[in-house]
Protein backbone atom coordinates (compact mmCIF):
# COMPACT_ATOMS: atom_id res chain seq x y z
CA UNK A 1 1.53 69.96 -69.21
CA UNK A 2 -0.49 71.38 -66.36
CA UNK A 3 0.15 74.94 -65.27
CA UNK A 4 2.00 75.17 -62.01
CA UNK A 5 -0.27 76.02 -59.06
CA UNK A 6 0.70 79.48 -57.79
CA UNK A 7 1.96 79.66 -54.23
CA UNK A 8 -0.17 81.33 -51.58
CA UNK A 9 0.76 85.00 -51.27
CA UNK A 10 -1.22 86.42 -48.38
CA UNK A 11 -0.35 90.07 -47.79
CA UNK A 12 -0.77 91.97 -44.54
CA UNK A 13 0.04 95.67 -44.35
CA UNK A 14 -0.90 98.59 -42.13
CA UNK A 15 -2.81 101.50 -43.61
CA UNK A 16 -2.17 104.95 -42.18
CA UNK A 17 -2.38 108.57 -43.23
CA UNK A 18 -5.72 108.30 -45.04
CA UNK A 19 -8.69 110.41 -43.99
CA UNK A 20 -11.26 108.28 -42.08
CA UNK A 21 -13.95 108.70 -44.75
CA UNK A 22 -11.57 107.79 -47.58
CA UNK A 23 -10.45 104.72 -45.65
CA UNK A 24 -14.06 103.74 -44.91
CA UNK A 25 -14.86 103.99 -48.63
CA UNK A 26 -11.82 101.89 -49.52
CA UNK A 27 -12.78 99.22 -46.99
CA UNK A 28 -16.39 99.21 -48.20
CA UNK A 29 -15.24 98.64 -51.78
CA UNK A 30 -14.00 95.16 -50.86
CA UNK A 31 -17.60 93.98 -51.17
CA UNK A 32 -18.28 95.94 -54.36
CA UNK A 33 -15.02 95.81 -56.32
CA UNK A 34 -12.12 93.48 -57.15
CA UNK A 35 -9.60 96.26 -56.49
CA UNK A 36 -6.99 95.78 -53.80
CA UNK A 37 -6.74 98.21 -50.90
CA UNK A 38 -3.69 99.88 -52.43
CA UNK A 39 -5.47 100.32 -55.76
CA UNK A 40 -8.61 101.64 -54.07
CA UNK A 41 -6.72 104.22 -52.04
CA UNK A 42 -4.87 105.44 -55.14
CA UNK A 43 -8.07 106.13 -57.04
CA UNK A 44 -10.28 107.48 -54.24
CA UNK A 45 -10.52 111.17 -53.48
CA UNK A 46 -12.28 112.85 -50.56
CA UNK A 47 -14.98 114.06 -52.95
CA UNK A 48 -15.66 110.55 -54.28
CA UNK A 49 -15.75 109.21 -50.73
CA UNK A 50 -18.35 111.81 -49.78
CA UNK A 51 -20.50 110.95 -52.82
CA UNK A 52 -20.31 107.24 -52.02
CA UNK A 53 -21.21 107.75 -48.35
CA UNK A 54 -24.10 110.05 -49.15
CA UNK A 55 -25.55 107.35 -51.39
CA UNK A 56 -24.93 104.14 -49.48
CA UNK A 57 -24.87 105.40 -45.89
CA UNK A 58 -27.71 107.90 -45.83
CA UNK A 59 -29.94 106.89 -48.75
CA UNK A 60 -29.64 103.10 -48.60
CA UNK A 61 -29.05 102.84 -44.86
CA UNK A 62 -25.86 100.75 -45.08
CA UNK A 63 -24.78 101.92 -41.62
CA UNK A 64 -22.06 99.27 -41.22
CA UNK A 65 -19.92 101.39 -43.56
CA UNK A 66 -19.50 103.90 -40.73
CA UNK A 67 -17.95 101.15 -38.59
CA UNK A 68 -14.92 101.37 -40.88
CA UNK A 69 -14.09 105.02 -40.15
CA UNK A 70 -12.40 105.49 -36.78
CA UNK A 71 -11.70 108.83 -35.14
CA UNK A 72 -9.64 109.78 -32.10
CA UNK A 73 -10.63 112.61 -29.76
CA UNK A 74 -9.05 114.25 -26.73
CA UNK A 75 -11.79 115.69 -24.54
CA UNK A 76 -10.54 117.80 -21.68
CA UNK A 77 -12.01 119.67 -18.74
CA UNK A 78 -15.41 118.02 -18.76
CA UNK A 79 -17.11 117.13 -15.50
CA UNK A 80 -17.12 113.63 -14.05
CA UNK A 81 -20.89 113.65 -14.55
CA UNK A 82 -20.52 114.44 -18.25
CA UNK A 83 -17.76 111.85 -18.62
CA UNK A 84 -20.02 109.10 -17.24
CA UNK A 85 -22.69 110.01 -19.79
CA UNK A 86 -20.19 110.41 -22.64
CA UNK A 87 -18.67 106.93 -22.27
CA UNK A 88 -22.03 105.20 -21.84
CA UNK A 89 -21.69 103.48 -25.22
CA UNK A 90 -21.57 99.73 -25.78
CA UNK A 91 -19.12 100.22 -28.66
CA UNK A 92 -16.50 102.51 -27.10
CA UNK A 93 -12.75 102.50 -26.54
CA UNK A 94 -10.89 105.06 -24.48
CA UNK A 95 -9.12 105.98 -21.28
CA UNK A 96 -10.05 108.50 -18.61
CA UNK A 97 -7.90 110.26 -16.05
CA UNK A 98 -7.50 108.01 -13.00
CA UNK A 99 -8.67 109.06 -9.53
CA UNK A 100 -6.17 106.56 -8.10
CA UNK A 101 -2.97 107.88 -9.61
CA UNK A 102 -3.63 111.63 -9.74
CA UNK A 103 -4.51 114.32 -7.23
CA UNK A 104 -7.76 115.95 -8.39
CA UNK A 105 -7.60 118.88 -5.99
CA UNK A 106 -6.26 121.23 -8.68
CA UNK A 107 -8.37 119.85 -11.53
CA UNK A 108 -11.01 122.53 -11.32
CA UNK A 109 -14.72 121.95 -11.61
CA UNK A 110 -17.69 122.66 -13.81
CA UNK A 111 -19.97 125.52 -12.78
CA UNK A 112 -23.49 125.23 -14.22
CA UNK A 113 -25.34 128.32 -15.41
CA UNK A 114 -27.63 129.52 -12.62
CA UNK A 115 -29.45 132.07 -14.83
CA UNK A 116 -29.30 134.90 -12.32
CA UNK A 117 -29.97 132.84 -9.19
CA UNK A 118 -27.03 134.29 -7.25
CA UNK A 119 -28.02 132.71 -3.92
CA UNK A 120 -28.09 129.19 -5.36
CA UNK A 121 -24.85 129.74 -7.24
CA UNK A 122 -23.12 130.95 -4.08
CA UNK A 123 -24.38 127.94 -2.14
CA UNK A 124 -23.28 125.61 -4.92
CA UNK A 125 -19.75 127.05 -4.98
CA UNK A 126 -19.44 126.83 -1.21
CA UNK A 127 -20.56 123.19 -1.30
CA UNK A 128 -17.99 122.31 -3.98
CA UNK A 129 -15.13 124.07 -2.20
CA UNK A 130 -16.07 122.32 1.05
CA UNK A 131 -15.87 118.91 -0.63
CA UNK A 132 -12.47 119.67 -2.16
CA UNK A 133 -11.17 120.81 1.23
CA UNK A 134 -12.35 117.54 2.78
CA UNK A 135 -10.87 115.58 -0.15
CA UNK A 136 -7.44 117.13 0.49
CA UNK A 137 -7.66 116.58 4.24
CA UNK A 138 -8.65 112.92 3.85
CA UNK A 139 -6.00 112.21 1.20
CA UNK A 140 -3.27 113.66 3.40
CA UNK A 141 -4.59 112.07 6.59
CA UNK A 142 -4.99 108.57 5.16
CA UNK A 143 -1.51 108.74 3.59
CA UNK A 144 0.05 109.55 6.95
CA UNK A 145 -2.03 106.85 8.65
CA UNK A 146 -0.83 104.23 6.16
CA UNK A 147 2.79 105.31 6.59
CA UNK A 148 2.52 104.90 10.33
CA UNK A 149 0.97 101.44 10.11
CA UNK A 150 2.78 99.92 7.09
CA UNK A 151 6.55 99.80 7.18
CA UNK A 152 8.55 100.15 3.97
CA UNK A 153 10.14 96.84 2.97
CA UNK A 154 13.91 97.06 2.63
CA UNK A 155 13.83 95.98 -0.99
CA UNK A 156 11.25 98.63 -1.95
CA UNK A 157 12.41 101.99 -3.27
CA UNK A 158 11.18 105.01 -1.25
CA UNK A 159 9.45 106.58 -4.27
CA UNK A 160 7.59 103.33 -5.04
CA UNK A 161 6.53 103.05 -1.38
CA UNK A 162 5.30 106.65 -1.36
CA UNK A 163 3.49 106.26 -4.69
CA UNK A 164 1.74 103.05 -3.64
CA UNK A 165 0.45 104.44 -0.35
CA UNK A 166 -0.71 107.66 -2.02
CA UNK A 167 -2.69 105.63 -4.54
CA UNK A 168 -4.42 103.79 -1.70
CA UNK A 169 -5.14 107.11 0.01
CA UNK A 170 -6.64 108.53 -3.19
CA UNK A 171 -8.86 105.42 -3.36
CA UNK A 172 -10.37 106.60 -0.08
CA UNK A 173 -10.39 110.34 -0.77
CA UNK A 174 -12.08 110.00 -4.16
CA UNK A 175 -15.38 109.34 -2.40
CA UNK A 176 -15.48 113.09 -1.67
CA UNK A 177 -14.96 114.29 -5.24
CA UNK A 178 -18.14 115.97 -6.51
CA UNK A 179 -19.55 115.07 -9.91
CA UNK A 180 -18.64 118.63 -10.96
CA UNK A 181 -14.93 117.73 -10.79
CA UNK A 182 -13.10 118.21 -14.08
CA UNK A 183 -11.54 115.21 -15.75
CA UNK A 184 -10.06 114.43 -19.17
CA UNK A 185 -10.33 111.46 -21.47
CA UNK A 186 -9.39 110.17 -24.87
CA UNK A 187 -11.68 108.11 -27.06
CA UNK A 188 -11.32 106.20 -30.30
CA UNK A 189 -14.68 105.39 -31.86
CA UNK A 190 -16.03 104.48 -35.24
CA UNK A 191 -18.22 106.99 -37.05
CA UNK A 192 -21.44 105.05 -36.41
CA UNK A 193 -20.84 105.09 -32.65
CA UNK A 194 -19.88 108.76 -32.86
CA UNK A 195 -23.08 109.62 -34.67
CA UNK A 196 -25.29 107.91 -32.08
CA UNK A 197 -23.14 109.32 -29.26
CA UNK A 198 -23.52 112.88 -30.51
CA UNK A 199 -27.27 112.44 -30.96
CA UNK A 200 -27.60 111.04 -27.45
CA UNK A 201 -25.59 113.89 -25.93
CA UNK A 202 -27.65 116.49 -27.78
CA UNK A 203 -30.77 114.90 -26.25
CA UNK A 204 -29.55 115.24 -22.65
CA UNK A 205 -31.38 117.30 -20.01
CA UNK A 206 -27.96 118.64 -18.90
CA UNK A 207 -26.75 121.84 -20.57
CA UNK A 208 -23.08 120.83 -20.29
CA UNK A 209 -23.72 117.53 -22.03
CA UNK A 210 -25.70 119.15 -24.85
CA UNK A 211 -22.81 121.59 -25.36
CA UNK A 212 -20.40 118.66 -25.38
CA UNK A 213 -22.44 117.02 -28.13
CA UNK A 214 -22.20 120.19 -30.22
CA UNK A 215 -18.43 120.33 -29.75
CA UNK A 216 -18.01 116.70 -30.75
CA UNK A 217 -20.07 117.26 -33.88
CA UNK A 218 -18.06 120.37 -34.77
CA UNK A 219 -14.78 118.55 -34.18
CA UNK A 220 -15.80 115.62 -36.39
CA UNK A 221 -17.12 117.95 -39.07
CA UNK A 222 -13.81 119.65 -39.71
CA UNK A 223 -12.32 121.16 -36.58
CA UNK A 224 -10.32 118.32 -35.09
CA UNK A 225 -6.86 118.89 -33.74
CA UNK A 226 -4.06 117.42 -35.82
CA UNK A 227 -1.43 116.97 -33.11
CA UNK A 228 2.01 116.97 -34.69
CA UNK A 229 5.06 116.00 -32.71
CA UNK A 230 6.58 119.49 -32.88
CA UNK A 231 3.40 120.98 -31.37
CA UNK A 232 3.16 118.66 -28.35
CA UNK A 233 5.37 120.72 -26.02
CA UNK A 234 3.28 123.84 -26.61
CA UNK A 235 0.05 121.88 -26.17
CA UNK A 236 1.21 120.39 -22.87
CA UNK A 237 2.27 123.84 -21.64
CA UNK A 238 -1.20 125.23 -22.36
CA UNK A 239 -2.87 122.29 -20.64
CA UNK A 240 -0.72 122.70 -17.53
CA UNK A 241 -1.45 126.43 -17.49
CA UNK A 242 -5.23 126.05 -17.53
CA UNK A 243 -5.27 123.04 -15.22
CA UNK A 244 -4.37 125.22 -12.24
CA UNK A 245 -7.51 127.31 -12.67
CA UNK A 246 -10.65 126.55 -10.68
CA UNK A 247 -14.33 127.19 -11.24
CA UNK A 248 -16.11 128.35 -14.38
CA UNK A 249 -14.71 126.00 -17.00
CA UNK A 250 -16.36 124.02 -19.73
CA UNK A 251 -15.18 120.92 -21.52
CA UNK A 252 -12.81 121.42 -24.43
CA UNK A 253 -12.14 119.27 -27.45
CA UNK A 254 -8.74 120.13 -28.91
CA UNK A 255 -9.51 121.82 -32.21
CA UNK A 256 -7.70 122.97 -35.32
CA UNK A 257 -9.20 122.90 -38.83
CA UNK A 258 -8.47 119.65 -40.65
CA UNK A 259 -10.68 117.34 -42.71
CA UNK A 260 -11.98 114.46 -40.56
CA UNK A 261 -15.40 112.87 -41.21
CA UNK A 262 -17.97 115.57 -41.89
CA UNK A 263 -20.21 113.40 -44.08
CA UNK A 264 -20.74 110.68 -41.49
CA UNK A 265 -21.86 112.97 -38.67
CA UNK A 266 -23.48 115.88 -40.47
CA UNK A 267 -27.03 114.69 -39.73
CA UNK A 268 -26.45 113.96 -36.03
CA UNK A 269 -29.18 115.80 -34.14
CA UNK A 270 -31.15 115.57 -30.89
CA UNK A 271 -33.05 112.28 -30.84
CA UNK A 272 -36.74 113.11 -30.52
CA UNK A 273 -37.54 109.43 -30.03
CA UNK A 274 -35.37 109.27 -26.92
CA UNK A 275 -36.37 112.69 -25.54
CA UNK A 276 -40.12 112.07 -25.79
CA UNK A 277 -39.89 108.45 -24.66
CA UNK A 278 -37.78 109.22 -21.56
CA UNK A 279 -40.28 111.87 -20.47
CA UNK A 280 -43.27 109.53 -20.90
CA UNK A 281 -41.55 106.64 -19.11
CA UNK A 282 -40.73 108.91 -16.16
CA UNK A 283 -44.38 109.85 -15.90
CA UNK A 284 -45.49 106.21 -16.24
CA UNK A 285 -43.10 105.10 -13.48
CA UNK A 286 -44.37 107.82 -11.16
CA UNK A 287 -47.99 106.83 -11.81
CA UNK A 288 -47.34 103.11 -11.35
CA UNK A 289 -45.27 103.35 -8.15
CA UNK A 290 -47.17 106.30 -6.67
CA UNK A 291 -46.03 107.18 -3.15
CA UNK A 292 -44.69 103.68 -2.49
CA UNK A 293 -41.52 103.74 -0.39
CA UNK A 294 -38.28 102.40 -1.87
CA UNK A 295 -37.65 98.89 -0.56
CA UNK A 296 -34.41 98.11 1.25
CA UNK A 297 -32.10 96.13 -1.00
CA UNK A 298 -28.67 94.46 -0.81
CA UNK A 299 -25.58 95.77 -2.59
CA UNK A 300 -26.07 93.09 -5.25
CA UNK A 301 -29.42 91.46 -6.00
CA UNK A 302 -29.46 88.66 -8.56
CA UNK A 303 -33.06 88.92 -9.67
CA UNK A 304 -35.00 85.77 -10.42
CA UNK A 305 -36.14 85.10 -13.95
CA UNK A 306 -38.98 87.34 -15.03
CA UNK A 307 -42.38 85.66 -15.50
CA UNK A 308 -42.21 86.59 -19.18
CA UNK A 309 -40.23 88.63 -21.71
CA UNK A 310 -43.01 91.22 -21.62
CA UNK A 311 -42.58 91.67 -17.85
CA UNK A 312 -38.83 92.08 -18.28
CA UNK A 313 -39.22 94.70 -21.02
CA UNK A 314 -41.79 96.75 -19.12
CA UNK A 315 -39.81 96.52 -15.87
CA UNK A 316 -36.53 97.54 -17.49
CA UNK A 317 -38.14 100.48 -19.29
CA UNK A 318 -39.46 101.81 -15.98
CA UNK A 319 -36.24 101.00 -14.05
CA UNK A 320 -34.20 103.69 -15.79
CA UNK A 321 -36.91 106.27 -15.17
CA UNK A 322 -37.08 106.04 -11.37
CA UNK A 323 -35.10 105.07 -8.25
CA UNK A 324 -36.83 101.82 -7.22
CA UNK A 325 -35.10 98.41 -7.11
CA UNK A 326 -35.70 96.15 -10.10
CA UNK A 327 -37.40 93.51 -7.95
CA UNK A 328 -39.90 96.03 -6.55
CA UNK A 329 -40.83 97.32 -10.01
CA UNK A 330 -40.99 93.77 -11.36
CA UNK A 331 -43.57 92.78 -8.74
CA UNK A 332 -45.79 95.73 -9.63
CA UNK A 333 -45.48 95.11 -13.38
CA UNK A 334 -46.23 91.39 -12.97
CA UNK A 335 -49.46 92.26 -11.14
CA UNK A 336 -50.74 94.34 -14.07
CA UNK A 337 -53.08 92.94 -16.67
CA UNK A 338 -51.74 92.24 -20.14
CA UNK A 339 -53.24 95.38 -21.67
CA UNK A 340 -51.63 97.73 -19.14
CA UNK A 341 -48.28 95.95 -19.37
CA UNK A 342 -48.27 96.20 -23.16
CA UNK A 343 -49.09 99.89 -22.92
CA UNK A 344 -45.84 100.42 -21.00
CA UNK A 345 -43.89 98.55 -23.67
CA UNK A 346 -45.64 100.62 -26.33
CA UNK A 347 -44.38 103.80 -24.62
CA UNK A 348 -40.85 102.65 -25.34
CA UNK A 349 -41.38 102.24 -29.07
CA UNK A 350 -44.21 104.41 -30.38
CA UNK A 351 -42.04 107.49 -31.09
CA UNK A 352 -39.35 105.49 -32.88
CA UNK A 353 -38.37 106.96 -36.23
CA UNK A 354 -37.33 105.10 -39.34
CA UNK A 355 -33.59 105.07 -38.53
CA UNK A 356 -33.77 105.06 -34.72
CA UNK A 357 -32.22 102.14 -32.88
CA UNK A 358 -34.38 100.75 -30.10
CA UNK A 359 -33.63 102.00 -26.61
CA UNK A 360 -31.05 99.95 -24.77
CA UNK A 361 -33.79 98.76 -22.40
CA UNK A 362 -35.06 96.49 -25.18
CA UNK A 363 -31.85 94.41 -24.96
CA UNK A 364 -33.55 91.70 -22.96
CA UNK A 365 -33.40 87.97 -22.40
CA UNK A 366 -30.07 87.61 -20.55
CA UNK A 367 -30.22 84.94 -17.86
CA UNK A 368 -28.38 86.92 -15.18
CA UNK A 369 -29.69 90.31 -14.04
CA UNK A 370 -27.81 92.04 -11.21
CA UNK A 371 -29.46 95.05 -9.59
CA UNK A 372 -26.45 96.82 -8.04
CA UNK A 373 -26.53 99.60 -5.44
CA UNK A 374 -23.00 100.98 -5.09
CA UNK A 375 -21.05 104.23 -4.85
CA UNK A 376 -20.77 106.27 -8.05
CA UNK A 377 -16.97 106.03 -8.03
CA UNK A 378 -17.10 102.24 -7.98
CA UNK A 379 -19.75 102.26 -10.70
CA UNK A 380 -17.39 104.23 -12.96
CA UNK A 381 -15.01 101.26 -12.85
CA UNK A 382 -17.77 98.69 -13.40
CA UNK A 383 -19.11 100.85 -16.23
CA UNK A 384 -16.19 99.71 -18.41
CA UNK A 385 -17.68 96.25 -18.93
CA UNK A 386 -19.18 96.79 -22.37
CA UNK A 387 -20.43 93.24 -22.89
CA UNK A 388 -23.13 93.89 -20.31
CA UNK A 389 -26.38 95.68 -20.94
CA UNK A 390 -26.27 98.48 -18.38
CA UNK A 391 -29.22 100.64 -17.35
CA UNK A 392 -28.38 103.57 -15.07
CA UNK A 393 -30.86 105.35 -12.86
CA UNK A 394 -30.58 109.14 -12.40
CA UNK A 395 -28.14 110.36 -9.75
CA UNK A 396 -29.80 111.05 -6.40
CA UNK A 397 -29.10 111.28 -2.66
CA UNK A 398 -32.05 108.99 -1.83
CA UNK A 399 -29.85 105.97 -1.19
CA UNK A 400 -27.34 107.68 1.11
CA UNK A 401 -23.58 107.17 0.81
CA UNK A 402 -20.90 104.56 1.43
CA UNK A 403 -18.07 104.91 3.95
CA UNK A 404 -14.73 103.72 2.52
CA UNK A 405 -12.20 101.54 4.30
CA UNK A 406 -9.31 103.25 6.08
CA UNK A 407 -11.16 106.27 7.45
CA UNK A 408 -11.68 104.94 10.95
CA UNK A 409 -8.01 103.96 11.27
CA UNK A 410 -7.01 107.49 10.23
CA UNK A 411 -9.47 109.08 12.67
CA UNK A 412 -11.30 110.78 9.79
CA UNK A 413 -14.66 109.01 9.65
CA UNK A 414 -16.51 111.80 11.47
CA UNK A 415 -14.96 114.42 9.15
CA UNK A 416 -15.95 112.40 6.11
CA UNK A 417 -19.52 111.82 7.30
CA UNK A 418 -19.94 115.52 8.07
CA UNK A 419 -18.75 116.54 4.57
CA UNK A 420 -20.94 113.97 2.78
CA UNK A 421 -24.04 114.82 4.82
CA UNK A 422 -23.59 118.55 4.19
CA UNK A 423 -23.19 117.97 0.43
CA UNK A 424 -26.37 115.88 0.29
CA UNK A 425 -28.29 118.55 2.20
CA UNK A 426 -27.21 121.28 -0.22
CA UNK A 427 -28.04 118.98 -3.15
CA UNK A 428 -31.58 118.39 -1.84
CA UNK A 429 -32.12 122.11 -1.33
CA UNK A 430 -30.91 123.11 -4.79
CA UNK A 431 -32.72 120.22 -6.53
CA UNK A 432 -36.01 121.48 -5.11
CA UNK A 433 -35.54 124.87 -6.79
CA UNK A 434 -38.15 126.20 -9.18
CA UNK A 435 -35.79 127.41 -11.93
CA UNK A 436 -35.30 125.36 -15.14
CA UNK A 437 -32.84 122.47 -14.83
CA UNK A 438 -32.54 122.97 -11.03
CA UNK A 439 -32.55 119.21 -10.47
CA UNK A 440 -29.83 118.69 -13.07
CA UNK A 441 -27.59 121.46 -11.70
CA UNK A 442 -27.84 120.07 -8.18
CA UNK A 443 -26.54 116.66 -9.24
CA UNK A 444 -23.07 118.13 -9.82
CA UNK A 445 -22.79 118.50 -6.03
CA UNK A 446 -23.18 114.79 -5.36
CA UNK A 447 -19.85 113.21 -4.28
CA UNK A 448 -18.58 109.95 -5.79
CA UNK A 449 -19.31 108.20 -2.49
CA UNK A 450 -23.05 108.66 -3.12
CA UNK A 451 -24.84 105.38 -3.66
CA UNK A 452 -26.68 104.92 -6.93
CA UNK A 453 -28.55 102.08 -8.58
CA UNK A 454 -27.75 100.42 -11.90
CA UNK A 455 -28.89 97.24 -13.63
CA UNK A 456 -26.34 94.90 -15.21
CA UNK A 457 -27.68 92.20 -17.54
CA UNK A 458 -25.22 89.58 -18.75
CA UNK A 459 -24.54 85.97 -19.66
CA UNK A 460 -22.68 83.44 -17.51
CA UNK A 461 -19.27 84.07 -19.11
CA UNK A 462 -19.40 87.78 -18.35
CA UNK A 463 -20.51 87.21 -14.76
CA UNK A 464 -17.54 84.90 -14.27
CA UNK A 465 -15.17 87.37 -15.93
CA UNK A 466 -16.28 90.35 -13.84
CA UNK A 467 -16.23 88.36 -10.60
CA UNK A 468 -12.70 87.11 -11.25
CA UNK A 469 -11.23 90.38 -12.51
CA UNK A 470 -12.83 92.80 -10.08
CA UNK A 471 -12.28 90.71 -6.93
CA UNK A 472 -8.49 90.73 -7.41
CA UNK A 473 -6.49 92.21 -4.48
CA UNK A 474 -5.07 95.13 -6.50
CA UNK A 475 -8.56 96.41 -7.25
CA UNK A 476 -10.54 99.10 -5.47
CA UNK A 477 -12.24 97.81 -2.32
CA UNK A 478 -15.61 99.12 -3.51
CA UNK A 479 -15.97 97.06 -6.67
CA UNK A 480 -14.10 94.13 -5.09
CA UNK A 481 -17.04 93.78 -2.71
CA UNK A 482 -19.55 94.02 -5.57
CA UNK A 483 -17.69 91.39 -7.60
CA UNK A 484 -17.61 89.06 -4.58
CA UNK A 485 -21.33 89.52 -3.98
CA UNK A 486 -22.02 88.76 -7.64
CA UNK A 487 -20.14 85.49 -7.27
CA UNK A 488 -21.94 84.62 -4.02
CA UNK A 489 -25.30 85.31 -5.65
CA UNK A 490 -24.52 82.96 -8.54
CA UNK A 491 -23.22 80.37 -6.08
CA UNK A 492 -26.47 80.48 -4.12
CA UNK A 493 -28.61 80.13 -7.26
CA UNK A 494 -26.40 77.78 -9.27
CA UNK A 495 -24.11 75.94 -6.79
CA UNK A 496 -22.86 73.45 -9.36
CA UNK A 497 -21.36 76.32 -11.40
CA UNK A 498 -19.60 78.09 -8.51
CA UNK A 499 -16.48 75.90 -8.78
CA UNK A 500 -15.66 77.44 -12.18
CA UNK A 501 -15.12 80.90 -10.65
CA UNK A 502 -11.49 81.75 -9.77
CA UNK A 503 -12.38 84.59 -7.43
CA UNK A 504 -10.44 86.16 -4.57
CA UNK A 505 -12.13 86.17 -1.18
CA UNK A 506 -12.47 89.86 -0.35
CA UNK A 507 -12.78 89.06 3.35
CA UNK A 508 -9.13 87.99 3.50
CA UNK A 509 -6.44 90.59 4.42
CA UNK A 510 -4.74 92.40 1.54
CA UNK A 511 -1.10 93.49 1.34
CA UNK A 512 -1.53 97.15 0.39
CA UNK A 513 2.03 97.34 -0.97
CA UNK A 514 1.32 94.72 -3.64
CA UNK A 515 -0.27 96.19 -6.74
C-alpha cells in the first residue's frame, strides 16, 4: 500500500522583535541550512550573528546578506540641501516633510560654520531672513488671492476649502525657501544601502553632510532610538519645543543606546575612490569645456542616441562635474580622438578599490536620456523616481530661477523677483570668497525656485509612468510641465508610441479645489 501523499502546508508568518543582524543571519541561513526560520531564530544569538557576518559579509564579500537587515531612522532638523543628498540612493524608502501641507516659516534653518568670517555670516543670515519674510508674504498673499477668485462650493466644508487653498499657496511660496531650511524625514533602508549611504555622506564636500554621515553611523552602531509608545508624548513635546527655534541648528538623529546593526556598518568610511575621482573629473570638465559659454537649452531635452557607449560614459562622467547641458558636452566628447575619450573614462575608474561599486555614471545604455533644467523644488519631487539613473549637477545660480503660477494674479511677481534676485546676488558674492568651503556654504542661500540641471536616464516603461503620474491635475505645476514635455519629446521622436501614454494636457485649466 502506497504511503499517502502529504497535503501542501505552506506557512506564512510575520517576524518581528528580532535585532536586524540576527534576522539577517536567520534569513541567510535559508541557503546554508535546512532549519526553518523559527528554529534558526531560537538558536541564533547576537554574538553568533556577528561572527557569521564578519566571516561571510566582510571576508567573503557576500554583500547581499546586508540586504536582509532593515533599519528605520528618524532624521530631524537637517537642511533641505542635506536631505536631497541623503535620499540620493537608488535603493531607498522614506518620507520627507511636505512643503505643500506644512508652513516652513517656523522650521528654522541650518547655519554653516563661517570660521570667524563675521561679515559673511552676517550677510548670510540677513539673506536667509529676507527669504523667509518673502515666503510668508507670498504664502499669505496667494491664499487671499485664491479666496477672492475661487468661491467655496456649498458641499465643501470650510476647513477643507481653507486647507486646499493653503496647500496651493504653499506650492507657490515654496519657491522662496532657501536650501538652508530645516526639514525632517524618516527612512527605512537595508544595511547594504546604509553602508554605502554613510560612506557617500562622509565623502561630501559639505560639513553638514559629513556630520550627518557620522551621526548615521553612530546611530546604526548602537545609539538608535527605541521609541516606545509610552515615550511618544514626551518625544513630540521636545520636538515641538525645538521646532520654534531659528538659526544655528544641526540635524539630529533620535538616539538612545540599543543594539541595532553595528557589525554591518562598522567599516563605513569616506570613499577615497569617489573623493579623488570627483575632483579629477571636475578638473577634466573645466579643461575640456574651457571658457565656452553654456548653451541655451529647453526645460526637457531628449538627447539623441550617443555615437557609442564610450561617448555616453565619458559625457555622463563630465556632466555631473560641471553645469553644461548634456548635448553640449556630448558634442565636445564626440569630437575627441579615441585615446583622449578613453582617458576620461579611465578617470572614472582608476581609483576604484577592491570593494568599491562603480560610480553611478557608469549605469549607461538606457535608450531615453532626458536632460532636465527645472527648479530645485520640482526636482525634489522628480527625485523620488528610483528606477531612473539620475545624475545631479552642483547647485548654482547660473541658470536663473523660475517664476511660479499665481504670483501675477496676486500682485506679488515683482516682490518675488526682487527676493530671488537678491538671494542670487548674495550667493554669488559669498561663493567667491577665499575661505575653505565658501562655495559650499553659499549654496544654502539658493531658494528652491533656482533652476538646476539633472540627467534622467530610463527605459520606455519608466518614461511612460513618470509622464502619466506627474502630469496629473493634483500635482505641482512645476513637475506637471516637465512630465508633459517628456511626453511631447517622446511623441516627436517615436510618434507611433505616443498613443500608449495616458497623460493629462497641462495646458488645460485645472480645478484647484480638486485634489
